[in-house]
C-alpha atoms as a PDB file:
ATOM      1  CA  MET A   1      -9.252  -7.826  95.826  1.00  0.00           C
ATOM      2  CA  PRO A   2     -11.641  -6.715  93.074  1.00  0.00           C
ATOM      3  CA  ASN A   3     -10.136  -6.499  89.602  1.00  0.00           C
ATOM      4  CA  PRO A   4     -10.126  -2.771  88.666  1.00  0.00           C
ATOM      5  CA  ILE A   5      -9.700  -3.557  84.949  1.00  0.00           C
ATOM      6  CA  ALA A   6     -12.817  -5.712  84.987  1.00  0.00           C
ATOM      7  CA  GLN A   7     -14.789  -3.161  86.985  1.00  0.00           C
ATOM      8  CA  SER A   8     -13.938  -0.415  84.498  1.00  0.00           C
ATOM      9  CA  VAL A   9     -15.083  -2.523  81.548  1.00  0.00           C
ATOM     10  CA  ARG A  10     -18.209  -3.597  83.402  1.00  0.00           C
ATOM     11  CA  ASP A  11     -19.112   0.049  84.036  1.00  0.00           C
ATOM     12  CA  THR A  12     -18.425   0.963  80.397  1.00  0.00           C
ATOM     13  CA  LEU A  13     -20.015  -1.909  78.472  1.00  0.00           C
ATOM     14  CA  THR A  14     -23.277  -2.633  80.267  1.00  0.00           C
ATOM     15  CA  GLY A  15     -26.270  -2.622  77.916  1.00  0.00           C
ATOM     16  CA  ILE A  16     -26.890  -3.259  74.227  1.00  0.00           C
ATOM     17  CA  LEU A  17     -23.689  -3.622  72.171  1.00  0.00           C
ATOM     18  CA  PRO A  18     -24.600  -4.478  68.558  1.00  0.00           C
ATOM     19  CA  PRO A  19     -22.099  -6.323  66.369  1.00  0.00           C
ATOM     20  CA  LEU A  20     -22.097  -4.251  63.180  1.00  0.00           C
ATOM     21  CA  SER A  21     -22.954  -6.017  59.926  1.00  0.00           C
ATOM     22  CA  MET A  22     -20.329  -5.761  57.217  1.00  0.00           C
ATOM     23  CA  PRO A  23     -21.305  -3.835  54.043  1.00  0.00           C
ATOM     24  CA  PHE A  24     -20.325  -5.993  51.063  1.00  0.00           C
ATOM     25  CA  ASP A  25     -21.362  -5.289  47.481  1.00  0.00           C
ATOM     26  CA  GLU A  26     -22.591  -7.960  45.057  1.00  0.00           C
ATOM     27  CA  GLN A  27     -19.012  -9.023  44.321  1.00  0.00           C
ATOM     28  CA  GLY A  28     -18.171  -9.344  48.019  1.00  0.00           C
ATOM     29  CA  ASN A  29     -16.086  -6.170  48.200  1.00  0.00           C
ATOM     30  CA  LEU A  30     -16.120  -4.016  51.315  1.00  0.00           C
ATOM     31  CA  VAL A  31     -17.994  -0.795  50.496  1.00  0.00           C
ATOM     32  CA  LYS A  32     -16.010   2.232  51.587  1.00  0.00           C
ATOM     33  CA  GLY A  33     -17.900   4.720  53.753  1.00  0.00           C
ATOM     34  CA  ALA A  34     -20.876   2.426  54.351  1.00  0.00           C
ATOM     35  CA  LEU A  35     -20.186   1.725  58.020  1.00  0.00           C
ATOM     36  CA  ARG A  36     -20.735   5.334  59.088  1.00  0.00           C
ATOM     37  CA  PRO A  37     -24.521   5.382  58.422  1.00  0.00           C
ATOM     38  CA  GLN A  38     -24.822   2.120  60.342  1.00  0.00           C
ATOM     39  CA  VAL A  39     -22.896   3.503  63.309  1.00  0.00           C
ATOM     40  CA  ASP A  40     -25.120   6.595  63.292  1.00  0.00           C
ATOM     41  CA  PHE A  41     -28.187   4.327  63.224  1.00  0.00           C
ATOM     42  CA  MET A  42     -26.908   2.411  66.239  1.00  0.00           C
ATOM     43  CA  VAL A  43     -26.047   5.506  68.255  1.00  0.00           C
ATOM     44  CA  GLU A  44     -29.418   7.092  67.459  1.00  0.00           C
ATOM     45  CA  SER A  45     -31.053   3.877  68.678  1.00  0.00           C
ATOM     46  CA  GLY A  46     -29.535   4.287  72.138  1.00  0.00           C
ATOM     47  CA  VAL A  47     -26.948   1.497  72.173  1.00  0.00           C
ATOM     48  CA  ARG A  48     -24.143   1.542  74.738  1.00  0.00           C
ATOM     49  CA  GLY A  49     -21.323   0.562  72.358  1.00  0.00           C
ATOM     50  CA  VAL A  50     -20.563  -1.098  69.021  1.00  0.00           C
ATOM     51  CA  VAL A  51     -18.686  -4.275  68.146  1.00  0.00           C
ATOM     52  CA  VAL A  52     -16.878  -4.728  64.828  1.00  0.00           C
ATOM     53  CA  GLY A  53     -15.595  -8.023  63.432  1.00  0.00           C
ATOM     54  CA  GLY A  54     -18.022 -10.405  65.119  1.00  0.00           C
ATOM     55  CA  SER A  55     -19.973 -13.281  63.575  1.00  0.00           C
ATOM     56  CA  THR A  56     -22.826 -11.045  62.448  1.00  0.00           C
ATOM     57  CA  GLY A  57     -20.158  -8.865  60.860  1.00  0.00           C
ATOM     58  CA  GLU A  58     -18.666 -11.889  59.046  1.00  0.00           C
ATOM     59  CA  GLY A  59     -15.381 -11.158  60.778  1.00  0.00           C
ATOM     60  CA  HIS A  60     -14.125 -14.638  59.973  1.00  0.00           C
ATOM     61  CA  THR A  61     -14.051 -13.686  56.264  1.00  0.00           C
ATOM     62  CA  LEU A  62     -11.986 -10.494  56.582  1.00  0.00           C
ATOM     63  CA  SER A  63      -8.386 -10.311  55.462  1.00  0.00           C
ATOM     64  CA  THR A  64      -6.050  -8.426  57.778  1.00  0.00           C
ATOM     65  CA  GLU A  65      -6.178  -5.426  55.451  1.00  0.00           C
ATOM     66  CA  GLU A  66      -9.983  -5.468  55.392  1.00  0.00           C
ATOM     67  CA  PHE A  67     -10.068  -5.957  59.157  1.00  0.00           C
ATOM     68  CA  VAL A  68      -7.960  -2.845  59.711  1.00  0.00           C
ATOM     69  CA  THR A  69      -9.951  -0.826  57.170  1.00  0.00           C
ATOM     70  CA  ALA A  70     -13.305  -1.749  58.714  1.00  0.00           C
ATOM     71  CA  MET A  71     -12.086  -1.156  62.265  1.00  0.00           C
ATOM     72  CA  LYS A  72     -10.683   2.274  61.498  1.00  0.00           C
ATOM     73  CA  GLU A  73     -13.738   3.383  59.538  1.00  0.00           C
ATOM     74  CA  ALA A  74     -16.178   2.267  62.228  1.00  0.00           C
ATOM     75  CA  TYR A  75     -14.028   3.670  65.015  1.00  0.00           C
ATOM     76  CA  GLU A  76     -13.825   7.076  63.358  1.00  0.00           C
ATOM     77  CA  ALA A  77     -17.586   7.010  62.775  1.00  0.00           C
ATOM     78  CA  THR A  78     -18.302   6.601  66.482  1.00  0.00           C
ATOM     79  CA  GLU A  79     -16.687  10.002  67.127  1.00  0.00           C
ATOM     80  CA  ASN A  80     -16.285   8.889  70.769  1.00  0.00           C
ATOM     81  CA  ARG A  81     -20.068   8.790  71.187  1.00  0.00           C
ATOM     82  CA  VAL A  82     -20.024   5.164  72.340  1.00  0.00           C
ATOM     83  CA  PRO A  83     -17.307   2.674  73.333  1.00  0.00           C
ATOM     84  CA  PHE A  84     -15.712   0.536  70.633  1.00  0.00           C
ATOM     85  CA  VAL A  85     -15.122  -3.222  70.824  1.00  0.00           C
ATOM     86  CA  ALA A  86     -12.935  -5.056  68.296  1.00  0.00           C
ATOM     87  CA  GLY A  87     -13.824  -8.648  67.435  1.00  0.00           C
ATOM     88  CA  LEU A  88     -11.195 -11.299  66.744  1.00  0.00           C
ATOM     89  CA  ILE A  89     -12.161 -14.567  65.059  1.00  0.00           C
ATOM     90  CA  VAL A  90      -8.760 -16.048  64.285  1.00  0.00           C
ATOM     91  CA  ASN A  91      -6.944 -19.359  64.640  1.00  0.00           C
ATOM     92  CA  SER A  92      -3.640 -18.433  66.219  1.00  0.00           C
ATOM     93  CA  THR A  93      -2.351 -16.387  69.098  1.00  0.00           C
ATOM     94  CA  ARG A  94       0.089 -14.578  66.822  1.00  0.00           C
ATOM     95  CA  GLU A  95      -2.609 -13.520  64.359  1.00  0.00           C
ATOM     96  CA  ALA A  96      -4.770 -12.165  67.174  1.00  0.00           C
ATOM     97  CA  ILE A  97      -1.901 -10.077  68.525  1.00  0.00           C
ATOM     98  CA  ASP A  98      -0.815  -8.866  65.088  1.00  0.00           C
ATOM     99  CA  ARG A  99      -4.318  -7.730  64.211  1.00  0.00           C
ATOM    100  CA  VAL A 100      -4.680  -5.694  67.385  1.00  0.00           C
ATOM    101  CA  LYS A 101      -1.270  -4.095  66.940  1.00  0.00           C
ATOM    102  CA  ALA A 102      -2.205  -3.173  63.364  1.00  0.00           C
ATOM    103  CA  LEU A 103      -4.935  -0.918  64.793  1.00  0.00           C
ATOM    104  CA  GLY A 104      -2.364   1.459  66.247  1.00  0.00           C
ATOM    105  CA  ASP A 105      -3.489   3.849  68.959  1.00  0.00           C
ATOM    106  CA  MET A 106      -7.249   3.379  68.605  1.00  0.00           C
ATOM    107  CA  LYS A 107      -9.051   3.596  71.940  1.00  0.00           C
ATOM    108  CA  ILE A 108     -10.507   0.082  72.155  1.00  0.00           C
ATOM    109  CA  ALA A 109     -12.741  -0.598  75.161  1.00  0.00           C
ATOM    110  CA  ALA A 110     -12.313  -4.367  74.835  1.00  0.00           C
ATOM    111  CA  LEU A 111     -11.498  -7.213  72.483  1.00  0.00           C
ATOM    112  CA  GLN A 112     -14.148  -9.864  71.798  1.00  0.00           C
ATOM    113  CA  VAL A 113     -12.080 -13.015  71.227  1.00  0.00           C
ATOM    114  CA  THR A 114     -13.280 -16.479  70.219  1.00  0.00           C
ATOM    115  CA  PRO A 115     -11.450 -19.632  71.173  1.00  0.00           C
ATOM    116  CA  VAL A 116      -9.747 -20.993  68.059  1.00  0.00           C
ATOM    117  CA  HIS A 117     -12.320 -22.335  65.614  1.00  0.00           C
ATOM    118  CA  TYR A 118     -10.486 -24.723  63.318  1.00  0.00           C
ATOM    119  CA  LEU A 119     -10.514 -28.501  63.812  1.00  0.00           C
ATOM    120  CA  PHE A 120      -7.823 -28.794  66.485  1.00  0.00           C
ATOM    121  CA  LYS A 121      -8.864 -27.959  70.034  1.00  0.00           C
ATOM    122  CA  PRO A 122      -6.209 -26.864  72.547  1.00  0.00           C
ATOM    123  CA  GLY A 123      -6.488 -27.941  76.171  1.00  0.00           C
ATOM    124  CA  LEU A 124      -7.328 -25.614  79.031  1.00  0.00           C
ATOM    125  CA  GLU A 125      -3.736 -24.628  79.835  1.00  0.00           C
ATOM    126  CA  ALA A 126      -3.005 -23.811  76.192  1.00  0.00           C
ATOM    127  CA  THR A 127      -6.243 -21.835  76.009  1.00  0.00           C
ATOM    128  CA  ILE A 128      -5.285 -19.861  79.118  1.00  0.00           C
ATOM    129  CA  GLU A 129      -1.889 -19.112  77.581  1.00  0.00           C
ATOM    130  CA  HIS A 130      -3.609 -18.004  74.355  1.00  0.00           C
ATOM    131  CA  PHE A 131      -5.649 -15.407  76.216  1.00  0.00           C
ATOM    132  CA  ARG A 132      -2.730 -14.483  78.485  1.00  0.00           C
ATOM    133  CA  ALA A 133      -0.466 -13.737  75.523  1.00  0.00           C
ATOM    134  CA  ILE A 134      -3.111 -11.578  73.812  1.00  0.00           C
ATOM    135  CA  TRP A 135      -3.580  -9.591  77.023  1.00  0.00           C
ATOM    136  CA  GLU A 136       0.109  -9.182  77.785  1.00  0.00           C
ATOM    137  CA  GLU A 137       0.973  -8.131  74.237  1.00  0.00           C
ATOM    138  CA  THR A 138      -1.950  -5.738  73.691  1.00  0.00           C
ATOM    139  CA  ARG A 139      -2.918  -4.617  77.233  1.00  0.00           C
ATOM    140  CA  THR A 140      -6.494  -4.415  75.997  1.00  0.00           C
ATOM    141  CA  PRO A 141      -9.264  -5.977  78.127  1.00  0.00           C
ATOM    142  CA  ILE A 142     -10.685  -9.189  76.703  1.00  0.00           C
ATOM    143  CA  LEU A 143     -14.184 -10.672  76.538  1.00  0.00           C
ATOM    144  CA  ILE A 144     -14.367 -14.378  75.744  1.00  0.00           C
ATOM    145  CA  TYR A 145     -16.759 -14.959  72.840  1.00  0.00           C
ATOM    146  CA  ASN A 146     -17.980 -18.452  73.722  1.00  0.00           C
ATOM    147  CA  VAL A 147     -19.603 -19.638  70.502  1.00  0.00           C
ATOM    148  CA  ILE A 148     -17.417 -22.257  68.777  1.00  0.00           C
ATOM    149  CA  PRO A 149     -19.355 -25.582  68.916  1.00  0.00           C
ATOM    150  CA  TRP A 150     -16.335 -27.937  69.004  1.00  0.00           C
ATOM    151  CA  ASN A 151     -14.336 -25.625  71.247  1.00  0.00           C
ATOM    152  CA  TYR A 152     -17.134 -24.583  73.566  1.00  0.00           C
ATOM    153  CA  LEU A 153     -15.747 -23.483  76.909  1.00  0.00           C
ATOM    154  CA  SER A 154     -17.396 -24.723  80.083  1.00  0.00           C
ATOM    155  CA  VAL A 155     -18.271 -22.360  82.900  1.00  0.00           C
ATOM    156  CA  ASP A 156     -15.371 -23.834  84.887  1.00  0.00           C
ATOM    157  CA  ALA A 157     -12.986 -23.130  81.995  1.00  0.00           C
ATOM    158  CA  MET A 158     -14.084 -19.521  81.576  1.00  0.00           C
ATOM    159  CA  LEU A 159     -13.807 -18.863  85.300  1.00  0.00           C
ATOM    160  CA  ALA A 160     -10.330 -20.431  85.288  1.00  0.00           C
ATOM    161  CA  ILE A 161      -9.244 -18.191  82.409  1.00  0.00           C
ATOM    162  CA  MET A 162     -10.506 -15.065  84.197  1.00  0.00           C
ATOM    163  CA  ASP A 163      -8.806 -16.129  87.429  1.00  0.00           C
ATOM    164  CA  ALA A 164      -5.502 -16.714  85.636  1.00  0.00           C
ATOM    165  CA  VAL A 165      -5.502 -13.672  83.348  1.00  0.00           C
ATOM    166  CA  PRO A 166      -6.536 -10.335  84.902  1.00  0.00           C
ATOM    167  CA  GLY A 167      -7.115  -8.816  81.474  1.00  0.00           C
ATOM    168  CA  VAL A 168      -9.866 -11.319  80.661  1.00  0.00           C
ATOM    169  CA  VAL A 169     -12.745  -9.477  82.259  1.00  0.00           C
ATOM    170  CA  GLY A 170     -15.903 -11.153  81.022  1.00  0.00           C
ATOM    171  CA  MET A 171     -17.608 -13.160  78.336  1.00  0.00           C
ATOM    172  CA  LYS A 172     -20.357 -13.265  75.756  1.00  0.00           C
ATOM    173  CA  GLN A 173     -22.242 -16.526  76.220  1.00  0.00           C
ATOM    174  CA  SER A 174     -23.856 -17.893  73.063  1.00  0.00           C
ATOM    175  CA  SER A 175     -25.194 -21.164  71.595  1.00  0.00           C
ATOM    176  CA  GLY A 176     -28.591 -21.054  73.302  1.00  0.00           C
ATOM    177  CA  ASP A 177     -27.100 -21.972  76.667  1.00  0.00           C
ATOM    178  CA  LEU A 178     -29.077 -19.944  79.214  1.00  0.00           C
ATOM    179  CA  LYS A 179     -28.088 -22.369  82.004  1.00  0.00           C
ATOM    180  CA  SER A 180     -24.470 -21.256  81.562  1.00  0.00           C
ATOM    181  CA  VAL A 181     -25.529 -17.607  81.760  1.00  0.00           C
ATOM    182  CA  SER A 182     -27.222 -18.384  85.072  1.00  0.00           C
ATOM    183  CA  ASP A 183     -24.188 -20.276  86.361  1.00  0.00           C
ATOM    184  CA  LEU A 184     -21.897 -17.422  85.359  1.00  0.00           C
ATOM    185  CA  MET A 185     -24.095 -14.897  87.158  1.00  0.00           C
ATOM    186  CA  LEU A 186     -23.938 -17.166  90.209  1.00  0.00           C
ATOM    187  CA  ARG A 187     -20.208 -17.886  90.176  1.00  0.00           C
ATOM    188  CA  ALA A 188     -18.361 -15.048  88.418  1.00  0.00           C
ATOM    189  CA  LYS A 189     -16.807 -12.243  90.425  1.00  0.00           C
ATOM    190  CA  PRO A 190     -19.075  -9.229  90.937  1.00  0.00           C
ATOM    191  CA  GLU A 191     -16.965  -7.071  88.631  1.00  0.00           C
ATOM    192  CA  ASN A 192     -16.944  -9.541  85.726  1.00  0.00           C
ATOM    193  CA  LEU A 193     -19.078  -8.745  82.690  1.00  0.00           C
ATOM    194  CA  VAL A 194     -21.607 -11.390  81.623  1.00  0.00           C
ATOM    195  CA  LEU A 195     -23.198 -10.692  78.239  1.00  0.00           C
ATOM    196  CA  SER A 196     -25.763 -12.734  76.347  1.00  0.00           C
ATOM    197  CA  GLY A 197     -25.573 -13.715  72.706  1.00  0.00           C
ATOM    198  CA  ILE A 198     -28.703 -15.866  72.892  1.00  0.00           C
ATOM    199  CA  ASP A 199     -31.155 -14.033  70.652  1.00  0.00           C
ATOM    200  CA  ALA A 200     -34.254 -16.091  71.458  1.00  0.00           C
ATOM    201  CA  LEU A 201     -33.742 -15.548  75.195  1.00  0.00           C
ATOM    202  CA  LEU A 202     -32.529 -11.969  75.626  1.00  0.00           C
ATOM    203  CA  TYR A 203     -35.409 -11.208  77.991  1.00  0.00           C
ATOM    204  CA  SER A 204     -34.655 -14.284  80.080  1.00  0.00           C
ATOM    205  CA  ALA A 205     -30.950 -13.402  80.272  1.00  0.00           C
ATOM    206  CA  PHE A 206     -31.645  -9.806  81.273  1.00  0.00           C
ATOM    207  CA  SER A 207     -34.156 -10.982  83.876  1.00  0.00           C
ATOM    208  CA  ILE A 208     -31.568 -13.127  85.671  1.00  0.00           C
ATOM    209  CA  GLY A 209     -29.081 -10.274  85.671  1.00  0.00           C
ATOM    210  CA  ALA A 210     -27.022 -10.482  82.465  1.00  0.00           C
ATOM    211  CA  HIS A 211     -25.318  -7.129  82.014  1.00  0.00           C
ATOM    212  CA  GLY A 212     -26.222  -6.711  78.353  1.00  0.00           C
ATOM    213  CA  ALA A 213     -26.071  -8.383  74.972  1.00  0.00           C
ATOM    214  CA  ILE A 214     -24.045  -8.673  71.789  1.00  0.00           C
ATOM    215  CA  SER A 215     -26.209 -10.543  69.289  1.00  0.00           C
ATOM    216  CA  ALA A 216     -27.686 -10.537  65.807  1.00  0.00           C
ATOM    217  CA  LEU A 217     -30.990  -9.019  66.947  1.00  0.00           C
ATOM    218  CA  THR A 218     -29.200  -6.163  68.686  1.00  0.00           C
ATOM    219  CA  CYS A 219     -27.742  -5.313  65.279  1.00  0.00           C
ATOM    220  CA  ALA A 220     -30.929  -5.932  63.283  1.00  0.00           C
ATOM    221  CA  VAL A 221     -33.307  -3.973  65.543  1.00  0.00           C
ATOM    222  CA  PRO A 222     -31.118  -2.084  68.017  1.00  0.00           C
ATOM    223  CA  GLY A 223     -33.798   0.316  69.237  1.00  0.00           C
ATOM    224  CA  VAL A 224     -36.159  -2.515  70.144  1.00  0.00           C
ATOM    225  CA  THR A 225     -33.503  -4.449  72.038  1.00  0.00           C
ATOM    226  CA  VAL A 226     -32.574  -1.245  73.889  1.00  0.00           C
ATOM    227  CA  LYS A 227     -36.231  -0.886  74.804  1.00  0.00           C
ATOM    228  CA  LEU A 228     -36.308  -4.489  76.042  1.00  0.00           C
ATOM    229  CA  PHE A 229     -33.181  -4.047  78.159  1.00  0.00           C
ATOM    230  CA  ASN A 230     -34.459  -0.792  79.660  1.00  0.00           C
ATOM    231  CA  ALA A 231     -37.849  -2.329  80.473  1.00  0.00           C
ATOM    232  CA  VAL A 232     -36.199  -5.143  82.427  1.00  0.00           C
ATOM    233  CA  GLN A 233     -33.909  -2.714  84.256  1.00  0.00           C
ATOM    234  CA  ARG A 234     -36.868  -0.716  85.517  1.00  0.00           C
ATOM    235  CA  GLY A 235     -38.863  -3.853  86.412  1.00  0.00           C
ATOM    236  CA  ASP A 236     -41.528  -3.453  83.711  1.00  0.00           C
ATOM    237  CA  HIS A 237     -41.828  -7.122  82.889  1.00  0.00           C
ATOM    238  CA  ALA A 238     -45.213  -6.837  81.160  1.00  0.00           C
ATOM    239  CA  THR A 239     -43.647  -4.573  78.531  1.00  0.00           C
ATOM    240  CA  ALA A 240     -40.533  -6.735  78.388  1.00  0.00           C
ATOM    241  CA  ARG A 241     -42.499  -9.944  77.783  1.00  0.00           C
ATOM    242  CA  ASP A 242     -44.478  -8.293  75.000  1.00  0.00           C
ATOM    243  CA  ILE A 243     -41.258  -7.198  73.305  1.00  0.00           C
ATOM    244  CA  HIS A 244     -39.738 -10.647  73.882  1.00  0.00           C
ATOM    245  CA  PHE A 245     -42.453 -12.515  72.011  1.00  0.00           C
ATOM    246  CA  LYS A 246     -42.391 -10.077  69.100  1.00  0.00           C
ATOM    247  CA  LEU A 247     -38.632 -10.473  68.867  1.00  0.00           C
ATOM    248  CA  ASN A 248     -39.023 -14.250  69.194  1.00  0.00           C
ATOM    249  CA  ALA A 249     -41.279 -14.290  66.141  1.00  0.00           C
ATOM    250  CA  LEU A 250     -38.772 -12.231  64.159  1.00  0.00           C
ATOM    251  CA  TRP A 251     -35.920 -14.486  65.253  1.00  0.00           C
ATOM    252  CA  ASN A 252     -37.852 -17.541  64.069  1.00  0.00           C
ATOM    253  CA  ALA A 253     -38.216 -15.909  60.643  1.00  0.00           C
ATOM    254  CA  MET A 254     -34.470 -15.266  60.274  1.00  0.00           C
ATOM    255  CA  ARG A 255     -32.784 -18.351  58.782  1.00  0.00           C
ATOM    256  CA  HIS A 256     -29.622 -18.951  60.723  1.00  0.00           C
ATOM    257  CA  ASP A 257     -27.474 -20.423  57.953  1.00  0.00           C
ATOM    258  CA  ASN A 258     -27.461 -16.983  56.324  1.00  0.00           C
ATOM    259  CA  LEU A 259     -28.177 -14.933  59.441  1.00  0.00           C
ATOM    260  CA  PRO A 260     -25.879 -11.991  58.559  1.00  0.00           C
ATOM    261  CA  ALA A 261     -27.737 -11.627  55.257  1.00  0.00           C
ATOM    262  CA  CYS A 262     -31.048 -11.581  57.137  1.00  0.00           C
ATOM    263  CA  VAL A 263     -29.724  -8.927  59.517  1.00  0.00           C
ATOM    264  CA  LYS A 264     -28.747  -6.712  56.588  1.00  0.00           C
ATOM    265  CA  TYR A 265     -32.209  -7.078  55.092  1.00  0.00           C
ATOM    266  CA  VAL A 266     -33.892  -6.091  58.373  1.00  0.00           C
ATOM    267  CA  GLN A 267     -31.581  -3.077  58.670  1.00  0.00           C
ATOM    268  CA  HIS A 268     -32.486  -2.098  55.119  1.00  0.00           C
ATOM    269  CA  LYS A 269     -36.191  -2.124  56.068  1.00  0.00           C
ATOM    270  CA  GLN A 270     -35.320   0.611  58.580  1.00  0.00           C
ATOM    271  CA  GLY A 271     -33.661   2.912  56.070  1.00  0.00           C
ATOM    272  CA  LEU A 272     -30.094   1.654  55.672  1.00  0.00           C
ATOM    273  CA  GLN A 273     -28.653   0.757  52.298  1.00  0.00           C
ATOM    274  CA  PHE A 274     -29.075  -2.910  51.353  1.00  0.00           C
ATOM    275  CA  PHE A 275     -25.875  -4.954  51.338  1.00  0.00           C
ATOM    276  CA  HIS A 276     -25.020  -8.573  50.608  1.00  0.00           C
ATOM    277  CA  PRO A 277     -23.305 -11.388  52.487  1.00  0.00           C
ATOM    278  CA  ARG A 278     -19.895 -12.569  51.354  1.00  0.00           C
ATOM    279  CA  ALA A 279     -19.950 -15.763  49.248  1.00  0.00           C
ATOM    280  CA  PRO A 280     -20.498 -18.603  49.721  1.00  0.00           C
ATOM    281  CA  MET A 281     -23.084 -17.416  52.247  1.00  0.00           C
ATOM    282  CA  GLU A 282     -26.477 -17.346  50.538  1.00  0.00           C
ATOM    283  CA  ARG A 283     -28.396 -14.139  49.977  1.00  0.00           C
ATOM    284  CA  VAL A 284     -31.871 -13.667  51.388  1.00  0.00           C
ATOM    285  CA  THR A 285     -34.543 -15.266  49.252  1.00  0.00           C
ATOM    286  CA  GLU A 286     -37.911 -13.795  48.373  1.00  0.00           C
ATOM    287  CA  GLU A 287     -39.532 -16.379  50.632  1.00  0.00           C
ATOM    288  CA  GLN A 288     -37.332 -15.263  53.529  1.00  0.00           C
ATOM    289  CA  LYS A 289     -38.227 -11.634  52.897  1.00  0.00           C
ATOM    290  CA  VAL A 290     -41.945 -12.412  53.131  1.00  0.00           C
ATOM    291  CA  LEU A 291     -41.478 -14.217  56.448  1.00  0.00           C
ATOM    292  CA  MET A 292     -39.282 -11.488  57.899  1.00  0.00           C
ATOM    293  CA  ASP A 293     -41.589  -8.703  56.729  1.00  0.00           C
ATOM    294  CA  ALA A 294     -44.557 -10.308  58.478  1.00  0.00           C
ATOM    295  CA  ALA A 295     -42.674 -10.664  61.768  1.00  0.00           C
ATOM    296  CA  LEU A 296     -40.917  -7.308  61.508  1.00  0.00           C
ATOM    297  CA  GLY A 297     -44.091  -5.202  61.351  1.00  0.00           C
ATOM    298  CA  PRO A 298     -45.120  -5.654  65.015  1.00  0.00           C
ATOM    299  CA  VAL A 299     -41.493  -5.211  66.123  1.00  0.00           C
ATOM    300  CA  LEU A 300     -41.019  -1.879  64.360  1.00  0.00           C
ATOM    301  CA  GLU A 301     -44.267  -0.561  65.825  1.00  0.00           C
ATOM    302  CA  LEU A 302     -42.309  -0.339  69.083  1.00  0.00           C
ATOM    303  CA  VAL A 303     -39.922   2.300  67.721  1.00  0.00           C
ATOM    304  CA  ASP A 304     -39.885   5.211  65.289  1.00  0.00           C
ATOM    305  CA  VAL A 305     -39.072   4.909  61.596  1.00  0.00           C
ATOM    306  CA  ARG A 306     -35.325   5.049  62.258  1.00  0.00           C
ATOM    307  CA  GLY A 307     -35.447   2.346  64.896  1.00  0.00           C
ATOM    308  CA  ARG A 308     -35.043   4.676  67.872  1.00  0.00           C
ATOM    309  CA  SER A 309     -36.439   3.727  71.249  1.00  0.00           C
ATOM    310  CA  ALA A 310     -38.151   6.298  73.435  1.00  0.00           C
ATOM    311  CA  ALA A 311     -37.405   4.329  76.579  1.00  0.00           C
END
């Protein structure tokens, strides 16, 4: 029997789902009220939902208090215009559950949950129980965020987790692994949600049927990634390839060791306030700005001055 929980999430979260960047000041403090303009920017760009607390949003650096503050502020800013996904990058089952419960009665479309990311790697059964406990305690649908290099889940493992836990309804596949995206499209149940986090290959993922994306570029240039997704959906591959190569050039200009800082700079070039990464992540250098500016020009020609896509 099809999983109705998965089908509901699949229907809700197909498309571009940017992981919001986190607005820190020069001292690394969360800037109150700064998430609302970013949410407005995303909604105006045509995204299908927003994600808070992901890697691009430096979710791994947030205290529980900051996590709750950021979630509530972003959630209120959506004003029910788009679905809301909460990201969890934590190292214990208990912390994951406690953080979700701290959000109260917010209407969360799904949780984006990484496998644990510290040194010690649990086996498959312990990983299944980790996701099972989060689901049973929160009753919120879960997307596996498959990105941790030393705890990278195989396709077999992710399918086993989804088979064992009905609340685990899909995954975001990262780490440049397009082969796994293809295998998931081949082997996952029809109602499961397969999202790409592979920025250099968004076009390729969409072309083989990925249901959407949560990635740094979707946050940096949301309107352009919306335009790319829509072009593939309507079969306009000439337009999609053109967008792909322009995005590829921008991606190559964004240094990945301080990727969230680069995302914030690109957002700033589209009218948002400029914010900093949280130390010890390095700020964007003048050399980086020159490289990004050169690649960003052709990308922003595809949208209006606020990053909105016409199609």
